[in-house]
Amino acid sequence: MEPTVSGVGVLDKSMVVLNAVAEQKRTLAELVDATGLSRATAHRLAVALEAHDLLRRTGDGRFALGLHLLALGRLAAEQFPLAERARPAMEDLRDATGESVQLYVVDGDARVCVAALESPHGLRTIVPVGAALPLDRGSAGRVLRGQLGAKGWVESIEERERGVASVSAPVVGDDGEVLAALSVSGPVDRMGASPGRRHGAAVSRSAAAVAAVAVARH
């Protein structure tokens, strides 16, 4: 396997190694199996990443994510303040709907979850922060692609995942640009056959509240 994304081979392969370890801690043999890289290449890259504290060894010798990534994650959040500014409106939306709430932004050809709050229900939708999801499926993806109807929100039912429904609205900047998509999602059995009718207005209000804070502090 020769992963190529950026055209810089060693960087692309290093990211393959990091992503494999992000899924779970791995021995060298498991890393080879997960990445498709040769044993020598996987070992060389893992040791180099360890030297930069992007990987570390556990007590049983497996590779795990390095602690320097904690600092990088904190700095990344500080340099992308929208997620933190959106939190009060997201909390209000979760409390009003009783469902999980997510904030997505476009990253290349995907949408990435930059903030998430889980529903208090035992049966709920869980999207981890940092998850990259397709732009061509789900209500948030359609919002970020500009496919917004006259109602100001988009709904989807089992479009990305079986048994899950969602409603999303755009977070719009002062220049009319869509900065993010705010979503509420949950089981179809609870969201109903018309989730937009149930939650569309609340999602739109919360998206506007996020936009107001983002523009005010821009």
N, C-alpha and C. Protein backbone atom coordinates (compact mmCIF):
# COMPACT_ATOMS: atom_id res chain seq x y z
N MET A 1 0.84 -1.20 0.00
CA MET A 1 0.00 0.00 0.00
C MET A 1 0.88 1.25 0.00
N GLU A 2 0.61 2.17 -0.94
CA GLU A 2 1.38 3.40 -1.01
C GLU A 2 0.42 4.58 -0.91
N PRO A 3 0.04 4.99 0.30
CA PRO A 3 -0.93 6.07 0.45
C PRO A 3 -0.38 7.40 -0.05
N THR A 4 -1.15 8.08 -0.90
CA THR A 4 -0.73 9.37 -1.43
C THR A 4 -1.88 10.35 -1.32
N VAL A 5 -1.67 11.40 -0.55
CA VAL A 5 -2.66 12.45 -0.41
C VAL A 5 -2.05 13.79 -0.77
N SER A 6 -0.93 14.11 -0.13
CA SER A 6 -0.30 15.40 -0.32
C SER A 6 0.75 15.39 -1.43
N GLY A 7 1.19 14.21 -1.82
CA GLY A 7 2.29 14.12 -2.77
C GLY A 7 3.63 14.01 -2.08
N VAL A 8 3.65 14.20 -0.75
CA VAL A 8 4.87 14.02 0.05
C VAL A 8 4.75 12.66 0.72
N GLY A 9 5.40 11.68 0.12
CA GLY A 9 5.19 10.30 0.52
C GLY A 9 5.41 10.02 1.99
N VAL A 10 6.52 10.51 2.56
CA VAL A 10 6.82 10.19 3.95
C VAL A 10 5.78 10.80 4.88
N LEU A 11 5.27 11.99 4.53
CA LEU A 11 4.24 12.61 5.36
C LEU A 11 2.93 11.84 5.27
N ASP A 12 2.55 11.45 4.06
CA ASP A 12 1.31 10.70 3.90
C ASP A 12 1.36 9.37 4.67
N LYS A 13 2.51 8.69 4.59
CA LYS A 13 2.64 7.42 5.30
C LYS A 13 2.65 7.63 6.81
N SER A 14 3.25 8.71 7.26
CA SER A 14 3.26 9.00 8.70
C SER A 14 1.84 9.23 9.20
N MET A 15 1.02 9.91 8.40
CA MET A 15 -0.37 10.15 8.80
C MET A 15 -1.17 8.85 8.81
N VAL A 16 -0.85 7.94 7.92
CA VAL A 16 -1.50 6.63 7.92
C VAL A 16 -1.18 5.90 9.23
N VAL A 17 0.07 6.00 9.66
CA VAL A 17 0.47 5.37 10.92
C VAL A 17 -0.25 6.02 12.10
N LEU A 18 -0.27 7.36 12.13
CA LEU A 18 -0.96 8.06 13.21
C LEU A 18 -2.43 7.71 13.26
N ASN A 19 -3.09 7.69 12.11
CA ASN A 19 -4.51 7.39 12.08
C ASN A 19 -4.80 5.96 12.52
N ALA A 20 -3.90 5.04 12.19
CA ALA A 20 -4.08 3.65 12.61
C ALA A 20 -3.99 3.53 14.13
N VAL A 21 -3.04 4.25 14.72
CA VAL A 21 -2.89 4.21 16.18
C VAL A 21 -4.03 4.97 16.86
N ALA A 22 -4.57 5.99 16.18
CA ALA A 22 -5.70 6.72 16.74
C ALA A 22 -6.92 5.81 16.90
N GLU A 23 -7.06 4.83 16.02
CA GLU A 23 -8.18 3.89 16.11
C GLU A 23 -8.05 3.02 17.35
N GLN A 24 -6.83 2.57 17.63
CA GLN A 24 -6.56 1.75 18.81
C GLN A 24 -5.06 1.59 18.99
N LYS A 25 -4.63 1.28 20.20
CA LYS A 25 -3.22 1.02 20.44
C LYS A 25 -2.81 -0.23 19.66
N ARG A 26 -1.59 -0.22 19.12
CA ARG A 26 -1.20 -1.32 18.24
C ARG A 26 0.25 -1.75 18.48
N THR A 27 0.47 -3.05 18.38
CA THR A 27 1.83 -3.56 18.31
C THR A 27 2.37 -3.26 16.92
N LEU A 28 3.66 -3.46 16.72
CA LEU A 28 4.23 -3.21 15.39
C LEU A 28 3.57 -4.11 14.35
N ALA A 29 3.36 -5.38 14.71
CA ALA A 29 2.73 -6.30 13.77
C ALA A 29 1.33 -5.83 13.41
N GLU A 30 0.59 -5.36 14.40
CA GLU A 30 -0.77 -4.86 14.14
C GLU A 30 -0.72 -3.59 13.30
N LEU A 31 0.30 -2.78 13.51
CA LEU A 31 0.45 -1.56 12.73
C LEU A 31 0.72 -1.89 11.26
N VAL A 32 1.54 -2.89 11.04
CA VAL A 32 1.81 -3.34 9.67
C VAL A 32 0.53 -3.82 9.01
N ASP A 33 -0.25 -4.62 9.72
CA ASP A 33 -1.51 -5.14 9.17
C ASP A 33 -2.51 -4.02 8.88
N ALA A 34 -2.57 -3.04 9.78
CA ALA A 34 -3.56 -1.97 9.66
C ALA A 34 -3.21 -0.98 8.55
N THR A 35 -1.92 -0.76 8.31
CA THR A 35 -1.51 0.26 7.34
C THR A 35 -1.16 -0.29 5.97
N GLY A 36 -0.78 -1.57 5.92
CA GLY A 36 -0.33 -2.13 4.66
C GLY A 36 1.10 -1.74 4.32
N LEU A 37 1.76 -1.05 5.23
CA LEU A 37 3.16 -0.68 5.01
C LEU A 37 4.06 -1.87 5.33
N SER A 38 5.26 -1.82 4.82
CA SER A 38 6.22 -2.88 5.16
C SER A 38 6.59 -2.75 6.63
N ARG A 39 7.08 -3.83 7.20
CA ARG A 39 7.45 -3.81 8.62
C ARG A 39 8.55 -2.77 8.87
N ALA A 40 9.53 -2.72 7.98
CA ALA A 40 10.64 -1.78 8.16
C ALA A 40 10.15 -0.34 8.09
N THR A 41 9.25 -0.03 7.14
CA THR A 41 8.74 1.34 6.99
C THR A 41 7.87 1.72 8.18
N ALA A 42 6.98 0.81 8.58
CA ALA A 42 6.10 1.09 9.71
C ALA A 42 6.92 1.34 10.98
N HIS A 43 7.95 0.53 11.19
CA HIS A 43 8.79 0.69 12.38
C HIS A 43 9.56 2.01 12.33
N ARG A 44 10.12 2.33 11.18
CA ARG A 44 10.90 3.56 11.04
C ARG A 44 10.03 4.79 11.31
N LEU A 45 8.84 4.81 10.75
CA LEU A 45 7.96 5.97 10.92
C LEU A 45 7.42 6.05 12.35
N ALA A 46 7.07 4.91 12.92
CA ALA A 46 6.54 4.92 14.30
C ALA A 46 7.59 5.42 15.29
N VAL A 47 8.83 4.98 15.10
CA VAL A 47 9.91 5.42 16.00
C VAL A 47 10.18 6.92 15.81
N ALA A 48 10.11 7.39 14.57
CA ALA A 48 10.32 8.82 14.31
C ALA A 48 9.20 9.65 14.95
N LEU A 49 7.97 9.18 14.84
CA LEU A 49 6.84 9.88 15.46
C LEU A 49 6.95 9.85 16.98
N GLU A 50 7.50 8.76 17.49
CA GLU A 50 7.72 8.65 18.93
C GLU A 50 8.76 9.69 19.39
N ALA A 51 9.77 9.92 18.58
CA ALA A 51 10.81 10.88 18.92
C ALA A 51 10.25 12.29 19.02
N HIS A 52 9.18 12.55 18.28
CA HIS A 52 8.52 13.87 18.32
C HIS A 52 7.36 13.88 19.31
N ASP A 53 7.20 12.81 20.09
CA ASP A 53 6.13 12.69 21.08
C ASP A 53 4.75 12.71 20.45
N LEU A 54 4.67 12.31 19.18
CA LEU A 54 3.36 12.16 18.54
C LEU A 54 2.85 10.74 18.74
N LEU A 55 3.75 9.82 19.02
CA LEU A 55 3.42 8.47 19.47
C LEU A 55 4.21 8.19 20.74
N ARG A 56 3.76 7.20 21.50
CA ARG A 56 4.47 6.76 22.70
C ARG A 56 4.29 5.26 22.83
N ARG A 57 5.07 4.65 23.70
CA ARG A 57 4.94 3.21 23.95
C ARG A 57 4.22 2.99 25.27
N THR A 58 3.33 2.03 25.28
CA THR A 58 2.66 1.64 26.51
C THR A 58 3.52 0.61 27.23
N GLY A 59 3.10 0.25 28.43
CA GLY A 59 3.88 -0.70 29.22
C GLY A 59 4.06 -2.04 28.55
N ASP A 60 3.10 -2.42 27.70
CA ASP A 60 3.21 -3.71 27.01
C ASP A 60 3.84 -3.57 25.63
N GLY A 61 4.41 -2.39 25.34
CA GLY A 61 5.15 -2.21 24.10
C GLY A 61 4.33 -1.77 22.90
N ARG A 62 3.04 -1.57 23.09
CA ARG A 62 2.22 -1.12 21.96
C ARG A 62 2.40 0.38 21.72
N PHE A 63 2.14 0.80 20.50
CA PHE A 63 2.18 2.21 20.17
C PHE A 63 0.83 2.85 20.48
N ALA A 64 0.88 4.03 21.13
CA ALA A 64 -0.31 4.81 21.45
C ALA A 64 -0.05 6.25 21.05
N LEU A 65 -1.09 7.05 21.00
CA LEU A 65 -0.92 8.46 20.65
C LEU A 65 -0.06 9.16 21.69
N GLY A 66 0.82 10.04 21.23
CA GLY A 66 1.72 10.76 22.12
C GLY A 66 1.05 11.93 22.81
N LEU A 67 1.59 12.30 23.95
CA LEU A 67 0.98 13.35 24.76
C LEU A 67 1.13 14.74 24.15
N HIS A 68 2.06 14.91 23.22
CA HIS A 68 2.20 16.21 22.57
C HIS A 68 0.94 16.56 21.78
N LEU A 69 0.19 15.53 21.38
CA LEU A 69 -1.05 15.78 20.65
C LEU A 69 -2.09 16.49 21.51
N LEU A 70 -2.00 16.31 22.84
CA LEU A 70 -2.91 17.03 23.73
C LEU A 70 -2.68 18.53 23.61
N ALA A 71 -1.41 18.93 23.61
CA ALA A 71 -1.10 20.35 23.48
C ALA A 71 -1.50 20.87 22.11
N LEU A 72 -1.25 20.08 21.08
CA LEU A 72 -1.62 20.51 19.73
C LEU A 72 -3.14 20.65 19.61
N GLY A 73 -3.88 19.71 20.23
CA GLY A 73 -5.34 19.80 20.19
C GLY A 73 -5.85 21.05 20.88
N ARG A 74 -5.24 21.38 22.03
CA ARG A 74 -5.65 22.59 22.75
C ARG A 74 -5.37 23.83 21.92
N LEU A 75 -4.21 23.87 21.30
CA LEU A 75 -3.85 25.03 20.48
C LEU A 75 -4.74 25.12 19.24
N ALA A 76 -5.08 23.97 18.67
CA ALA A 76 -5.98 23.98 17.51
C ALA A 76 -7.34 24.54 17.89
N ALA A 77 -7.83 24.17 19.07
CA ALA A 77 -9.11 24.68 19.54
C ALA A 77 -9.05 26.18 19.77
N GLU A 78 -7.93 26.66 20.30
CA GLU A 78 -7.78 28.09 20.54
C GLU A 78 -7.74 28.87 19.24
N GLN A 79 -7.19 28.25 18.21
CA GLN A 79 -7.10 28.91 16.92
C GLN A 79 -8.38 28.76 16.10
N PHE A 80 -9.33 27.96 16.61
CA PHE A 80 -10.64 27.81 15.96
C PHE A 80 -11.69 28.02 17.05
N PRO A 81 -11.94 29.27 17.42
CA PRO A 81 -12.78 29.56 18.59
C PRO A 81 -14.27 29.34 18.40
N LEU A 82 -14.72 29.12 17.15
CA LEU A 82 -16.15 28.98 16.92
C LEU A 82 -16.76 27.86 17.75
N ALA A 83 -16.03 26.76 17.90
CA ALA A 83 -16.57 25.62 18.64
C ALA A 83 -16.88 25.99 20.09
N GLU A 84 -15.96 26.73 20.73
CA GLU A 84 -16.19 27.11 22.12
C GLU A 84 -17.30 28.16 22.22
N ARG A 85 -17.31 29.10 21.30
CA ARG A 85 -18.34 30.13 21.32
C ARG A 85 -19.74 29.56 21.08
N ALA A 86 -19.80 28.46 20.35
CA ALA A 86 -21.10 27.86 20.03
C ALA A 86 -21.69 27.07 21.19
N ARG A 87 -20.89 26.76 22.20
CA ARG A 87 -21.32 25.84 23.23
C ARG A 87 -22.61 26.26 23.96
N PRO A 88 -22.77 27.53 24.40
CA PRO A 88 -24.01 27.88 25.09
C PRO A 88 -25.26 27.63 24.24
N ALA A 89 -25.21 28.00 22.97
CA ALA A 89 -26.36 27.77 22.09
C ALA A 89 -26.59 26.29 21.87
N MET A 90 -25.51 25.51 21.78
CA MET A 90 -25.64 24.07 21.61
C MET A 90 -26.26 23.43 22.84
N GLU A 91 -25.87 23.91 24.02
CA GLU A 91 -26.45 23.38 25.25
C GLU A 91 -27.95 23.69 25.31
N ASP A 92 -28.33 24.90 24.91
CA ASP A 92 -29.75 25.26 24.89
C ASP A 92 -30.52 24.37 23.92
N LEU A 93 -29.91 24.08 22.77
CA LEU A 93 -30.56 23.24 21.77
C LEU A 93 -30.71 21.81 22.27
N ARG A 94 -29.69 21.29 22.89
CA ARG A 94 -29.78 19.94 23.45
C ARG A 94 -30.88 19.87 24.51
N ASP A 95 -30.93 20.88 25.38
CA ASP A 95 -31.93 20.87 26.44
C ASP A 95 -33.34 21.02 25.87
N ALA A 96 -33.48 21.80 24.80
CA ALA A 96 -34.80 22.03 24.22
C ALA A 96 -35.32 20.81 23.46
N THR A 97 -34.40 20.08 22.81
CA THR A 97 -34.82 18.95 21.99
C THR A 97 -34.65 17.60 22.69
N GLY A 98 -33.74 17.53 23.65
CA GLY A 98 -33.44 16.26 24.30
C GLY A 98 -32.60 15.34 23.44
N GLU A 99 -32.05 15.88 22.33
CA GLU A 99 -31.27 15.06 21.41
C GLU A 99 -29.82 15.54 21.34
N SER A 100 -28.98 14.74 20.70
CA SER A 100 -27.56 15.08 20.54
C SER A 100 -27.41 16.23 19.56
N VAL A 101 -26.39 17.04 19.79
CA VAL A 101 -26.16 18.24 18.97
C VAL A 101 -24.72 18.23 18.48
N GLN A 102 -24.52 18.60 17.22
CA GLN A 102 -23.18 18.65 16.65
C GLN A 102 -22.99 19.92 15.85
N LEU A 103 -21.73 20.34 15.74
CA LEU A 103 -21.35 21.47 14.90
C LEU A 103 -20.31 20.96 13.91
N TYR A 104 -20.58 21.17 12.60
CA TYR A 104 -19.70 20.66 11.55
C TYR A 104 -19.15 21.81 10.71
N VAL A 105 -17.92 21.64 10.23
CA VAL A 105 -17.34 22.56 9.26
C VAL A 105 -16.77 21.74 8.11
N VAL A 106 -16.60 22.39 6.98
CA VAL A 106 -16.03 21.73 5.80
C VAL A 106 -14.52 21.62 5.97
N ASP A 107 -13.98 20.46 5.64
CA ASP A 107 -12.54 20.25 5.62
C ASP A 107 -12.23 19.41 4.39
N GLY A 108 -11.82 20.08 3.31
CA GLY A 108 -11.58 19.36 2.06
C GLY A 108 -12.87 18.82 1.49
N ASP A 109 -12.91 17.51 1.26
CA ASP A 109 -14.11 16.91 0.71
C ASP A 109 -14.94 16.20 1.78
N ALA A 110 -14.75 16.60 3.04
CA ALA A 110 -15.49 16.00 4.14
C ALA A 110 -16.03 17.08 5.05
N ARG A 111 -16.87 16.69 5.97
CA ARG A 111 -17.31 17.59 7.04
C ARG A 111 -16.78 17.02 8.36
N VAL A 112 -16.25 17.89 9.17
CA VAL A 112 -15.63 17.47 10.42
C VAL A 112 -16.43 18.01 11.60
N CYS A 113 -16.66 17.15 12.58
CA CYS A 113 -17.37 17.54 13.79
C CYS A 113 -16.38 18.27 14.71
N VAL A 114 -16.65 19.56 14.97
CA VAL A 114 -15.74 20.35 15.79
C VAL A 114 -16.27 20.56 17.21
N ALA A 115 -17.52 20.21 17.44
CA ALA A 115 -18.11 20.29 18.77
C ALA A 115 -19.30 19.36 18.82
N ALA A 116 -19.52 18.72 19.96
CA ALA A 116 -20.62 17.77 20.08
C ALA A 116 -21.09 17.68 21.52
N LEU A 117 -22.39 17.56 21.69
CA LEU A 117 -23.01 17.33 23.00
C LEU A 117 -23.95 16.14 22.86
N GLU A 118 -23.90 15.23 23.82
CA GLU A 118 -24.71 14.02 23.73
C GLU A 118 -26.07 14.21 24.41
N SER A 119 -27.04 13.54 23.86
CA SER A 119 -28.38 13.50 24.44
C SER A 119 -28.34 12.82 25.81
N PRO A 120 -29.22 13.22 26.73
CA PRO A 120 -29.27 12.54 28.03
C PRO A 120 -29.92 11.17 27.96
N HIS A 121 -30.55 10.85 26.83
CA HIS A 121 -31.21 9.55 26.69
C HIS A 121 -30.18 8.43 26.57
N GLY A 122 -30.55 7.25 27.03
CA GLY A 122 -29.65 6.10 26.90
C GLY A 122 -29.41 5.74 25.45
N LEU A 123 -30.47 5.80 24.64
CA LEU A 123 -30.36 5.55 23.20
C LEU A 123 -30.17 6.90 22.52
N ARG A 124 -28.97 7.13 21.99
CA ARG A 124 -28.65 8.44 21.43
C ARG A 124 -27.64 8.32 20.30
N THR A 125 -27.51 9.41 19.57
CA THR A 125 -26.52 9.49 18.51
C THR A 125 -25.22 10.02 19.08
N ILE A 126 -24.12 9.36 18.77
CA ILE A 126 -22.81 9.80 19.25
C ILE A 126 -21.90 10.06 18.05
N VAL A 127 -21.48 11.31 17.91
CA VAL A 127 -20.50 11.67 16.88
C VAL A 127 -19.32 12.29 17.61
N PRO A 128 -18.17 11.65 17.64
CA PRO A 128 -17.03 12.20 18.38
C PRO A 128 -16.46 13.43 17.71
N VAL A 129 -15.95 14.35 18.52
CA VAL A 129 -15.26 15.52 17.98
C VAL A 129 -14.06 15.04 17.16
N GLY A 130 -13.91 15.61 15.99
CA GLY A 130 -12.84 15.20 15.10
C GLY A 130 -13.27 14.21 14.04
N ALA A 131 -14.46 13.65 14.18
CA ALA A 131 -14.95 12.68 13.20
C ALA A 131 -15.14 13.35 11.85
N ALA A 132 -14.63 12.73 10.80
CA ALA A 132 -14.80 13.23 9.43
C ALA A 132 -15.88 12.40 8.74
N LEU A 133 -16.93 13.07 8.29
CA LEU A 133 -18.06 12.40 7.67
C LEU A 133 -18.24 12.92 6.25
N PRO A 134 -18.93 12.15 5.41
CA PRO A 134 -19.09 12.56 4.01
C PRO A 134 -19.96 13.81 3.86
N LEU A 135 -19.64 14.59 2.85
CA LEU A 135 -20.43 15.79 2.55
C LEU A 135 -21.68 15.47 1.75
N ASP A 136 -21.69 14.30 1.12
CA ASP A 136 -22.80 13.99 0.21
C ASP A 136 -23.93 13.21 0.87
N ARG A 137 -23.85 13.03 2.20
CA ARG A 137 -24.93 12.33 2.90
C ARG A 137 -25.19 13.02 4.24
N GLY A 138 -26.45 13.07 4.63
CA GLY A 138 -26.82 13.68 5.90
C GLY A 138 -27.20 15.15 5.75
N SER A 139 -28.03 15.62 6.65
CA SER A 139 -28.53 16.99 6.55
C SER A 139 -27.42 18.02 6.68
N ALA A 140 -26.44 17.79 7.55
CA ALA A 140 -25.35 18.74 7.71
C ALA A 140 -24.51 18.85 6.44
N GLY A 141 -24.29 17.73 5.79
CA GLY A 141 -23.54 17.75 4.55
C GLY A 141 -24.23 18.58 3.49
N ARG A 142 -25.54 18.44 3.40
CA ARG A 142 -26.28 19.21 2.40
C ARG A 142 -26.27 20.70 2.74
N VAL A 143 -26.35 21.03 4.02
CA VAL A 143 -26.28 22.44 4.42
C VAL A 143 -24.94 23.03 4.01
N LEU A 144 -23.86 22.30 4.27
CA LEU A 144 -22.52 22.80 3.96
C LEU A 144 -22.27 22.87 2.46
N ARG A 145 -23.02 22.11 1.67
CA ARG A 145 -22.91 22.18 0.21
C ARG A 145 -23.82 23.26 -0.37
N GLY A 146 -24.57 23.94 0.50
CA GLY A 146 -25.44 25.01 0.04
C GLY A 146 -26.80 24.56 -0.42
N GLN A 147 -27.16 23.32 -0.13
CA GLN A 147 -28.47 22.79 -0.55
C GLN A 147 -29.50 23.06 0.55
N LEU A 148 -29.90 24.32 0.64
CA LEU A 148 -30.79 24.75 1.71
C LEU A 148 -32.12 25.18 1.12
N GLY A 149 -33.20 24.65 1.68
CA GLY A 149 -34.52 25.01 1.20
C GLY A 149 -35.02 26.31 1.79
N ALA A 150 -36.22 26.69 1.42
CA ALA A 150 -36.82 27.95 1.87
C ALA A 150 -37.08 27.96 3.37
N LYS A 151 -37.17 26.79 3.98
CA LYS A 151 -37.47 26.73 5.41
C LYS A 151 -36.29 27.12 6.28
N GLY A 152 -35.10 27.13 5.71
CA GLY A 152 -33.92 27.52 6.48
C GLY A 152 -33.26 26.37 7.21
N TRP A 153 -33.77 25.16 7.03
CA TRP A 153 -33.17 23.98 7.62
C TRP A 153 -33.32 22.80 6.67
N VAL A 154 -32.55 21.76 6.92
CA VAL A 154 -32.59 20.54 6.11
C VAL A 154 -32.76 19.36 7.04
N GLU A 155 -33.60 18.41 6.67
CA GLU A 155 -33.77 17.18 7.46
C GLU A 155 -33.29 15.98 6.66
N SER A 156 -32.88 14.95 7.35
CA SER A 156 -32.54 13.69 6.69
C SER A 156 -32.96 12.54 7.59
N ILE A 157 -33.37 11.45 6.96
CA ILE A 157 -33.82 10.27 7.69
C ILE A 157 -33.08 9.05 7.14
N GLU A 158 -32.26 8.44 7.97
CA GLU A 158 -31.48 7.26 7.61
C GLU A 158 -30.67 7.47 6.33
N GLU A 159 -30.20 8.69 6.12
CA GLU A 159 -29.45 9.00 4.91
C GLU A 159 -27.98 8.60 5.05
N ARG A 160 -27.42 8.83 6.23
CA ARG A 160 -26.03 8.47 6.47
C ARG A 160 -25.90 7.20 7.28
N GLU A 161 -26.80 7.00 8.21
CA GLU A 161 -26.73 5.84 9.10
C GLU A 161 -28.13 5.30 9.37
N ARG A 162 -28.27 4.01 9.32
CA ARG A 162 -29.56 3.36 9.54
C ARG A 162 -30.09 3.69 10.93
N GLY A 163 -31.37 4.05 10.99
CA GLY A 163 -32.03 4.31 12.26
C GLY A 163 -31.80 5.69 12.83
N VAL A 164 -31.07 6.55 12.10
CA VAL A 164 -30.75 7.89 12.61
C VAL A 164 -31.38 8.97 11.73
N ALA A 165 -31.94 9.98 12.37
CA ALA A 165 -32.49 11.14 11.67
C ALA A 165 -31.78 12.39 12.18
N SER A 166 -31.77 13.43 11.36
CA SER A 166 -31.12 14.67 11.78
C SER A 166 -31.79 15.87 11.13
N VAL A 167 -31.57 17.01 11.77
CA VAL A 167 -32.01 18.30 11.23
C VAL A 167 -30.84 19.27 11.38
N SER A 168 -30.53 20.01 10.33
CA SER A 168 -29.39 20.92 10.35
C SER A 168 -29.77 22.28 9.79
N ALA A 169 -29.08 23.31 10.29
CA ALA A 169 -29.26 24.67 9.80
C ALA A 169 -27.90 25.33 9.68
N PRO A 170 -27.76 26.30 8.79
CA PRO A 170 -26.45 26.93 8.58
C PRO A 170 -26.13 28.00 9.63
N VAL A 171 -24.87 28.08 9.96
CA VAL A 171 -24.34 29.19 10.75
C VAL A 171 -23.72 30.13 9.73
N VAL A 172 -24.33 31.28 9.54
CA VAL A 172 -23.97 32.17 8.44
C VAL A 172 -23.21 33.39 8.95
N GLY A 173 -22.10 33.70 8.28
CA GLY A 173 -21.31 34.87 8.64
C GLY A 173 -21.93 36.15 8.12
N ASP A 174 -21.35 37.28 8.48
CA ASP A 174 -21.93 38.57 8.08
C ASP A 174 -21.81 38.84 6.59
N ASP A 175 -20.98 38.05 5.89
CA ASP A 175 -20.87 38.21 4.45
C ASP A 175 -21.71 37.19 3.69
N GLY A 176 -22.54 36.46 4.43
CA GLY A 176 -23.41 35.47 3.81
C GLY A 176 -22.79 34.11 3.64
N GLU A 177 -21.53 33.97 4.02
CA GLU A 177 -20.84 32.68 3.88
C GLU A 177 -21.30 31.72 4.97
N VAL A 178 -21.50 30.46 4.59
CA VAL A 178 -21.85 29.43 5.57
C VAL A 178 -20.59 29.02 6.32
N LEU A 179 -20.53 29.35 7.59
CA LEU A 179 -19.36 29.05 8.41
C LEU A 179 -19.37 27.62 8.92
N ALA A 180 -20.57 27.11 9.20
CA ALA A 180 -20.70 25.79 9.82
C ALA A 180 -22.14 25.33 9.67
N ALA A 181 -22.36 24.09 10.04
CA ALA A 181 -23.72 23.53 10.09
C ALA A 181 -23.98 23.05 11.50
N LEU A 182 -25.07 23.49 12.07
CA LEU A 182 -25.48 23.05 13.41
C LEU A 182 -26.54 21.99 13.24
N SER A 183 -26.37 20.87 13.93
CA SER A 183 -27.26 19.73 13.75
C SER A 183 -27.79 19.19 15.06
N VAL A 184 -28.99 18.66 15.00
CA VAL A 184 -29.53 17.85 16.09
C VAL A 184 -29.85 16.50 15.48
N SER A 185 -29.46 15.42 16.15
CA SER A 185 -29.65 14.08 15.60
C SER A 185 -30.06 13.11 16.69
N GLY A 186 -30.77 12.07 16.27
CA GLY A 186 -31.22 11.06 17.22
C GLY A 186 -31.89 9.91 16.52
N PRO A 187 -32.35 8.93 17.26
CA PRO A 187 -33.01 7.77 16.67
C PRO A 187 -34.28 8.18 15.93
N VAL A 188 -34.54 7.54 14.80
CA VAL A 188 -35.75 7.83 14.03
C VAL A 188 -36.99 7.61 14.87
N ASP A 189 -36.97 6.58 15.71
CA ASP A 189 -38.14 6.28 16.54
C ASP A 189 -38.52 7.44 17.43
N ARG A 190 -37.55 8.26 17.82
CA ARG A 190 -37.85 9.40 18.69
C ARG A 190 -37.95 10.71 17.90
N MET A 191 -37.16 10.84 16.85
CA MET A 191 -37.18 12.06 16.04
C MET A 191 -38.43 12.14 15.17
N GLY A 192 -38.99 10.97 14.80
CA GLY A 192 -40.21 10.93 14.02
C GLY A 192 -39.96 10.96 12.52
N ALA A 193 -41.04 10.81 11.77
CA ALA A 193 -40.95 10.78 10.31
C ALA A 193 -40.72 12.15 9.72
N SER A 194 -40.97 13.21 10.47
CA SER A 194 -40.74 14.58 10.01
C SER A 194 -39.94 15.33 11.07
N PRO A 195 -38.66 15.00 11.22
CA PRO A 195 -37.85 15.63 12.28
C PRO A 195 -37.72 17.13 12.12
N GLY A 196 -37.78 17.61 10.88
CA GLY A 196 -37.68 19.04 10.65
C GLY A 196 -38.88 19.78 11.20
N ARG A 197 -40.04 19.20 11.07
CA ARG A 197 -41.24 19.83 11.60
C ARG A 197 -41.16 19.93 13.12
N ARG A 198 -40.52 18.94 13.73
CA ARG A 198 -40.41 18.91 15.19
C ARG A 198 -39.29 19.81 15.70
N HIS A 199 -38.15 19.80 15.03
CA HIS A 199 -36.97 20.50 15.59
C HIS A 199 -36.38 21.59 14.69
N GLY A 200 -36.91 21.76 13.49
CA GLY A 200 -36.32 22.72 12.55
C GLY A 200 -36.24 24.13 13.09
N ALA A 201 -37.30 24.62 13.70
CA ALA A 201 -37.31 25.99 14.21
C ALA A 201 -36.28 26.18 15.31
N ALA A 202 -36.17 25.20 16.20
CA ALA A 202 -35.20 25.29 17.30
C ALA A 202 -33.78 25.27 16.78
N VAL A 203 -33.51 24.42 15.78
CA VAL A 203 -32.16 24.35 15.22
C VAL A 203 -31.81 25.66 14.53
N SER A 204 -32.77 26.22 13.80
CA SER A 204 -32.51 27.49 13.10
C SER A 204 -32.24 28.62 14.08
N ARG A 205 -33.01 28.67 15.17
CA ARG A 205 -32.78 29.72 16.18
C ARG A 205 -31.40 29.58 16.80
N SER A 206 -31.01 28.36 17.12
CA SER A 206 -29.70 28.14 17.74
C SER A 206 -28.57 28.44 16.77
N ALA A 207 -28.75 28.11 15.49
CA ALA A 207 -27.73 28.42 14.49
C ALA A 207 -27.56 29.93 14.36
N ALA A 208 -28.68 30.66 14.42
CA ALA A 208 -28.60 32.12 14.37
C ALA A 208 -27.89 32.67 15.59
N ALA A 209 -28.11 32.06 16.76
CA ALA A 209 -27.44 32.50 17.98
C ALA A 209 -25.94 32.26 17.89
N VAL A 210 -25.55 31.13 17.32
CA VAL A 210 -24.11 30.86 17.11
C VAL A 210 -23.52 31.88 16.15
N ALA A 211 -24.25 32.17 15.08
CA ALA A 211 -23.76 33.13 14.09
C ALA A 211 -23.58 34.51 14.71
N ALA A 212 -24.51 34.91 15.57
CA ALA A 212 -24.44 36.23 16.20
C ALA A 212 -23.19 36.34 17.06
N VAL A 213 -22.89 35.29 17.81
CA VAL A 213 -21.70 35.30 18.67
C VAL A 213 -20.43 35.27 17.81
N ALA A 214 -20.46 34.48 16.76
CA ALA A 214 -19.27 34.37 15.89
C ALA A 214 -18.97 35.70 15.22
N VAL A 215 -20.00 36.39 14.75
CA VAL A 215 -19.79 37.66 14.07
C VAL A 215 -19.39 38.74 15.06
N ALA A 216 -20.00 38.73 16.24
CA ALA A 216 -19.71 39.77 17.24
C ALA A 216 -18.28 39.71 17.71
N ARG A 217 -17.68 38.50 17.75
CA ARG A 217 -16.33 38.34 18.27
C ARG A 217 -15.30 38.10 17.19
N HIS A 218 -15.74 38.26 15.96
CA HIS A 218 -14.83 37.98 14.83
C HIS A 218 -13.61 38.91 14.87
